Amino acid sequence: MATNGTNDVQTNGPEGNTAKPAHRFDPNFTDNVVNTMGPNTTERNRVVLGSLIRHLHDFTREVELTIDEWMAGVHFVNAVGQIYSKTRNEAHRVSDILGLES
């Protein structure tokens, strides 16, 4: 996720009397990612993948996922995929591990 690089304070309300820190993540980042889907993406895939991307980004921001934690997840998915063999990827089996298959 990209940050906007500022810690500016934003004010809310007509008189600007409620100050809170600006969000440190680029508020347009997720929409920019969703909008990169190509013109051949079906409307249903656009809905499903867009929702997945939004939820994934929200999760990442909520837990403030670190690079090391993200890489551990990537290695986990790769390891699950290679349980059968190095040449036959079984990454879809992660659905069972996460309870999604049920």
N, C-alpha and C. Protein backbone atom coordinates (compact mmCIF):
# COMPACT_ATOMS: atom_id res chain seq x y z
N MET A 1 0.83 -1.17 0.00
CA MET A 1 0.00 0.00 0.00
C MET A 1 0.88 1.24 0.00
N ALA A 2 0.51 2.20 -0.76
CA ALA A 2 1.26 3.44 -0.80
C ALA A 2 0.74 4.39 0.26
N THR A 3 1.64 5.11 0.86
CA THR A 3 1.22 6.14 1.79
C THR A 3 1.23 7.47 1.07
N ASN A 4 0.47 8.41 1.63
CA ASN A 4 0.43 9.71 0.98
C ASN A 4 1.60 10.58 1.38
N GLY A 5 2.41 10.08 2.33
CA GLY A 5 3.64 10.77 2.68
C GLY A 5 3.46 11.99 3.55
N THR A 6 2.25 12.19 4.08
CA THR A 6 2.03 13.35 4.94
C THR A 6 1.44 12.91 6.25
N ASN A 7 1.63 13.72 7.23
CA ASN A 7 0.98 13.55 8.51
C ASN A 7 0.18 14.80 8.82
N ASP A 8 -0.32 15.45 7.78
CA ASP A 8 -1.07 16.68 7.94
C ASP A 8 -2.31 16.44 8.79
N VAL A 9 -2.78 17.50 9.40
CA VAL A 9 -4.01 17.43 10.17
C VAL A 9 -5.13 17.95 9.30
N GLN A 10 -6.22 17.17 9.25
CA GLN A 10 -7.41 17.59 8.52
C GLN A 10 -8.44 18.06 9.52
N THR A 11 -9.24 19.03 9.13
CA THR A 11 -10.32 19.48 10.01
C THR A 11 -11.64 19.07 9.40
N ASN A 12 -12.61 18.80 10.26
CA ASN A 12 -13.93 18.39 9.83
C ASN A 12 -14.95 19.39 10.35
N GLY A 13 -16.10 19.39 9.73
CA GLY A 13 -17.18 20.26 10.20
C GLY A 13 -17.08 21.62 9.57
N PRO A 14 -18.18 22.36 9.65
CA PRO A 14 -18.23 23.67 9.00
C PRO A 14 -17.26 24.68 9.61
N GLU A 15 -16.94 24.51 10.89
CA GLU A 15 -16.04 25.46 11.52
C GLU A 15 -14.64 24.89 11.67
N GLY A 16 -14.44 23.67 11.22
CA GLY A 16 -13.12 23.06 11.29
C GLY A 16 -12.65 22.84 12.70
N ASN A 17 -13.57 22.59 13.65
CA ASN A 17 -13.18 22.49 15.04
C ASN A 17 -12.81 21.08 15.48
N THR A 18 -12.98 20.08 14.65
CA THR A 18 -12.62 18.72 15.02
C THR A 18 -11.41 18.31 14.19
N ALA A 19 -10.24 18.28 14.82
CA ALA A 19 -9.02 17.95 14.10
C ALA A 19 -8.67 16.50 14.32
N LYS A 20 -8.25 15.84 13.26
CA LYS A 20 -7.73 14.48 13.37
C LYS A 20 -6.64 14.31 12.33
N PRO A 21 -5.69 13.41 12.58
CA PRO A 21 -4.59 13.24 11.63
C PRO A 21 -5.09 12.72 10.29
N ALA A 22 -4.48 13.18 9.23
CA ALA A 22 -4.79 12.66 7.90
C ALA A 22 -4.40 11.19 7.84
N HIS A 23 -5.15 10.42 7.08
CA HIS A 23 -4.83 9.00 6.96
C HIS A 23 -3.50 8.86 6.25
N ARG A 24 -2.68 7.92 6.72
CA ARG A 24 -1.34 7.80 6.15
C ARG A 24 -1.30 7.01 4.86
N PHE A 25 -2.41 6.39 4.47
CA PHE A 25 -2.46 5.65 3.22
C PHE A 25 -3.15 6.49 2.14
N ASP A 26 -2.69 6.34 0.93
CA ASP A 26 -3.28 7.04 -0.21
C ASP A 26 -4.74 6.63 -0.34
N PRO A 27 -5.68 7.53 -0.20
CA PRO A 27 -7.10 7.17 -0.24
C PRO A 27 -7.56 6.67 -1.61
N ASN A 28 -6.78 6.89 -2.65
CA ASN A 28 -7.15 6.45 -4.00
C ASN A 28 -6.48 5.15 -4.43
N PHE A 29 -5.61 4.61 -3.57
CA PHE A 29 -4.81 3.46 -3.96
C PHE A 29 -5.67 2.26 -4.36
N THR A 30 -6.62 1.88 -3.52
CA THR A 30 -7.44 0.69 -3.80
C THR A 30 -8.24 0.87 -5.08
N ASP A 31 -8.87 2.01 -5.25
CA ASP A 31 -9.63 2.26 -6.49
C ASP A 31 -8.72 2.20 -7.71
N ASN A 32 -7.51 2.73 -7.58
CA ASN A 32 -6.57 2.67 -8.71
C ASN A 32 -6.24 1.22 -9.07
N VAL A 33 -6.07 0.36 -8.06
CA VAL A 33 -5.78 -1.06 -8.33
C VAL A 33 -6.99 -1.71 -9.00
N VAL A 34 -8.18 -1.49 -8.44
CA VAL A 34 -9.40 -2.08 -9.01
C VAL A 34 -9.58 -1.63 -10.46
N ASN A 35 -9.28 -0.39 -10.73
CA ASN A 35 -9.48 0.16 -12.07
C ASN A 35 -8.46 -0.31 -13.10
N THR A 36 -7.47 -1.10 -12.68
CA THR A 36 -6.49 -1.62 -13.63
C THR A 36 -6.98 -2.88 -14.34
N MET A 37 -8.17 -3.39 -13.95
CA MET A 37 -8.71 -4.56 -14.65
C MET A 37 -8.94 -4.19 -16.12
N GLY A 38 -8.55 -5.08 -16.99
CA GLY A 38 -8.63 -4.81 -18.42
C GLY A 38 -10.04 -4.83 -18.97
N PRO A 39 -10.19 -4.40 -20.21
CA PRO A 39 -11.51 -4.29 -20.84
C PRO A 39 -12.18 -5.65 -21.09
N ASN A 40 -11.42 -6.72 -21.07
CA ASN A 40 -12.01 -8.04 -21.30
C ASN A 40 -12.49 -8.72 -20.02
N THR A 41 -12.36 -8.04 -18.89
CA THR A 41 -12.84 -8.58 -17.62
C THR A 41 -14.36 -8.56 -17.62
N THR A 42 -14.97 -9.70 -17.33
CA THR A 42 -16.44 -9.75 -17.30
C THR A 42 -16.95 -8.91 -16.14
N GLU A 43 -18.19 -8.48 -16.24
CA GLU A 43 -18.78 -7.65 -15.18
C GLU A 43 -18.79 -8.40 -13.85
N ARG A 44 -19.11 -9.70 -13.88
CA ARG A 44 -19.13 -10.48 -12.65
C ARG A 44 -17.72 -10.59 -12.05
N ASN A 45 -16.71 -10.84 -12.87
CA ASN A 45 -15.34 -10.89 -12.36
C ASN A 45 -14.91 -9.54 -11.80
N ARG A 46 -15.38 -8.48 -12.43
CA ARG A 46 -15.07 -7.13 -11.95
C ARG A 46 -15.64 -6.93 -10.54
N VAL A 47 -16.87 -7.42 -10.32
CA VAL A 47 -17.51 -7.30 -9.01
C VAL A 47 -16.78 -8.16 -7.97
N VAL A 48 -16.54 -9.43 -8.31
CA VAL A 48 -15.92 -10.36 -7.37
C VAL A 48 -14.49 -9.95 -7.05
N LEU A 49 -13.69 -9.71 -8.07
CA LEU A 49 -12.29 -9.34 -7.84
C LEU A 49 -12.17 -7.97 -7.18
N GLY A 50 -13.04 -7.05 -7.55
CA GLY A 50 -13.03 -5.72 -6.92
C GLY A 50 -13.32 -5.83 -5.43
N SER A 51 -14.28 -6.66 -5.07
CA SER A 51 -14.60 -6.86 -3.66
C SER A 51 -13.44 -7.52 -2.93
N LEU A 52 -12.84 -8.55 -3.55
CA LEU A 52 -11.70 -9.22 -2.94
C LEU A 52 -10.56 -8.24 -2.69
N ILE A 53 -10.26 -7.41 -3.68
CA ILE A 53 -9.18 -6.44 -3.55
C ILE A 53 -9.49 -5.45 -2.43
N ARG A 54 -10.72 -4.95 -2.38
CA ARG A 54 -11.09 -3.99 -1.34
C ARG A 54 -10.98 -4.60 0.06
N HIS A 55 -11.49 -5.83 0.21
CA HIS A 55 -11.41 -6.50 1.51
C HIS A 55 -9.95 -6.77 1.90
N LEU A 56 -9.16 -7.20 0.94
CA LEU A 56 -7.75 -7.49 1.20
C LEU A 56 -7.00 -6.22 1.62
N HIS A 57 -7.26 -5.13 0.93
CA HIS A 57 -6.61 -3.87 1.28
C HIS A 57 -7.07 -3.38 2.64
N ASP A 58 -8.38 -3.50 2.93
CA ASP A 58 -8.89 -3.10 4.24
C ASP A 58 -8.26 -3.93 5.35
N PHE A 59 -8.14 -5.25 5.13
CA PHE A 59 -7.50 -6.13 6.10
C PHE A 59 -6.06 -5.71 6.34
N THR A 60 -5.34 -5.45 5.26
CA THR A 60 -3.93 -5.07 5.35
C THR A 60 -3.76 -3.78 6.15
N ARG A 61 -4.63 -2.82 5.90
CA ARG A 61 -4.57 -1.57 6.66
C ARG A 61 -4.97 -1.79 8.12
N GLU A 62 -6.01 -2.60 8.34
CA GLU A 62 -6.51 -2.83 9.70
C GLU A 62 -5.44 -3.43 10.61
N VAL A 63 -4.75 -4.45 10.12
CA VAL A 63 -3.74 -5.11 10.95
C VAL A 63 -2.36 -4.49 10.79
N GLU A 64 -2.25 -3.49 9.92
CA GLU A 64 -0.97 -2.84 9.63
C GLU A 64 0.09 -3.89 9.30
N LEU A 65 -0.24 -4.71 8.31
CA LEU A 65 0.60 -5.82 7.87
C LEU A 65 2.01 -5.33 7.52
N THR A 66 3.00 -6.00 8.06
CA THR A 66 4.40 -5.63 7.76
C THR A 66 4.86 -6.40 6.52
N ILE A 67 5.96 -5.97 5.95
CA ILE A 67 6.53 -6.66 4.80
C ILE A 67 6.92 -8.09 5.18
N ASP A 68 7.50 -8.28 6.35
CA ASP A 68 7.87 -9.62 6.79
C ASP A 68 6.65 -10.53 6.93
N GLU A 69 5.56 -10.00 7.46
CA GLU A 69 4.33 -10.79 7.60
C GLU A 69 3.74 -11.13 6.24
N TRP A 70 3.78 -10.16 5.33
CA TRP A 70 3.29 -10.41 3.98
C TRP A 70 4.11 -11.50 3.30
N MET A 71 5.44 -11.41 3.44
CA MET A 71 6.30 -12.42 2.83
C MET A 71 6.07 -13.80 3.45
N ALA A 72 5.81 -13.86 4.75
CA ALA A 72 5.49 -15.14 5.40
C ALA A 72 4.24 -15.74 4.78
N GLY A 73 3.25 -14.90 4.49
CA GLY A 73 2.03 -15.37 3.83
C GLY A 73 2.29 -15.88 2.42
N VAL A 74 3.12 -15.17 1.68
CA VAL A 74 3.48 -15.59 0.33
C VAL A 74 4.20 -16.93 0.38
N HIS A 75 5.14 -17.07 1.30
CA HIS A 75 5.87 -18.34 1.44
C HIS A 75 4.92 -19.48 1.84
N PHE A 76 3.94 -19.18 2.70
CA PHE A 76 2.96 -20.18 3.11
C PHE A 76 2.17 -20.69 1.91
N VAL A 77 1.64 -19.76 1.11
CA VAL A 77 0.86 -20.16 -0.07
C VAL A 77 1.73 -20.95 -1.04
N ASN A 78 2.97 -20.52 -1.24
CA ASN A 78 3.88 -21.27 -2.13
C ASN A 78 4.16 -22.65 -1.58
N ALA A 79 4.39 -22.78 -0.28
CA ALA A 79 4.68 -24.08 0.33
C ALA A 79 3.48 -25.01 0.20
N VAL A 80 2.28 -24.49 0.43
CA VAL A 80 1.08 -25.30 0.27
C VAL A 80 0.97 -25.77 -1.19
N GLY A 81 1.25 -24.86 -2.10
CA GLY A 81 1.18 -25.20 -3.53
C GLY A 81 2.16 -26.26 -3.95
N GLN A 82 3.28 -26.37 -3.25
CA GLN A 82 4.32 -27.31 -3.65
C GLN A 82 4.34 -28.58 -2.79
N ILE A 83 3.34 -28.77 -1.95
CA ILE A 83 3.31 -29.96 -1.10
C ILE A 83 3.32 -31.23 -1.94
N TYR A 84 2.56 -31.22 -3.02
CA TYR A 84 2.49 -32.42 -3.86
C TYR A 84 3.82 -32.66 -4.55
N SER A 85 4.30 -31.65 -5.26
CA SER A 85 5.61 -31.72 -5.89
C SER A 85 6.01 -30.31 -6.32
N LYS A 86 7.26 -30.14 -6.69
CA LYS A 86 7.74 -28.82 -7.12
C LYS A 86 7.17 -28.42 -8.48
N THR A 87 6.72 -29.39 -9.27
CA THR A 87 6.22 -29.08 -10.61
C THR A 87 4.70 -29.07 -10.70
N ARG A 88 4.02 -29.61 -9.72
CA ARG A 88 2.55 -29.61 -9.73
C ARG A 88 2.07 -28.75 -8.57
N ASN A 89 1.61 -27.56 -8.88
CA ASN A 89 1.20 -26.62 -7.85
C ASN A 89 -0.20 -26.93 -7.36
N GLU A 90 -0.37 -27.03 -6.07
CA GLU A 90 -1.65 -27.34 -5.45
C GLU A 90 -2.11 -26.18 -4.56
N ALA A 91 -1.82 -24.95 -4.98
CA ALA A 91 -2.15 -23.79 -4.16
C ALA A 91 -3.64 -23.68 -3.87
N HIS A 92 -4.48 -24.25 -4.71
CA HIS A 92 -5.92 -24.18 -4.46
C HIS A 92 -6.29 -24.86 -3.14
N ARG A 93 -5.41 -25.72 -2.64
CA ARG A 93 -5.68 -26.42 -1.38
C ARG A 93 -5.69 -25.48 -0.18
N VAL A 94 -5.17 -24.27 -0.36
CA VAL A 94 -5.23 -23.31 0.73
C VAL A 94 -6.68 -22.98 1.08
N SER A 95 -7.59 -23.15 0.12
CA SER A 95 -9.02 -22.95 0.40
C SER A 95 -9.51 -23.87 1.50
N ASP A 96 -9.05 -25.13 1.47
CA ASP A 96 -9.42 -26.10 2.50
C ASP A 96 -8.84 -25.69 3.85
N ILE A 97 -7.57 -25.28 3.85
CA ILE A 97 -6.90 -24.90 5.09
C ILE A 97 -7.59 -23.72 5.74
N LEU A 98 -8.06 -22.77 4.94
CA LEU A 98 -8.71 -21.58 5.45
C LEU A 98 -10.21 -21.77 5.71
N GLY A 99 -10.73 -22.97 5.39
CA GLY A 99 -12.14 -23.24 5.61
C GLY A 99 -13.04 -22.69 4.53
N LEU A 100 -12.49 -22.21 3.45
CA LEU A 100 -13.28 -21.64 2.35
C LEU A 100 -13.94 -22.73 1.53
N GLU A 101 -13.31 -23.89 1.46
CA GLU A 101 -13.85 -25.00 0.69
C GLU A 101 -15.22 -25.45 1.20
N SER A 102 -15.39 -25.35 2.51
CA SER A 102 -16.65 -25.78 3.12
C SER A 102 -17.75 -24.80 2.84
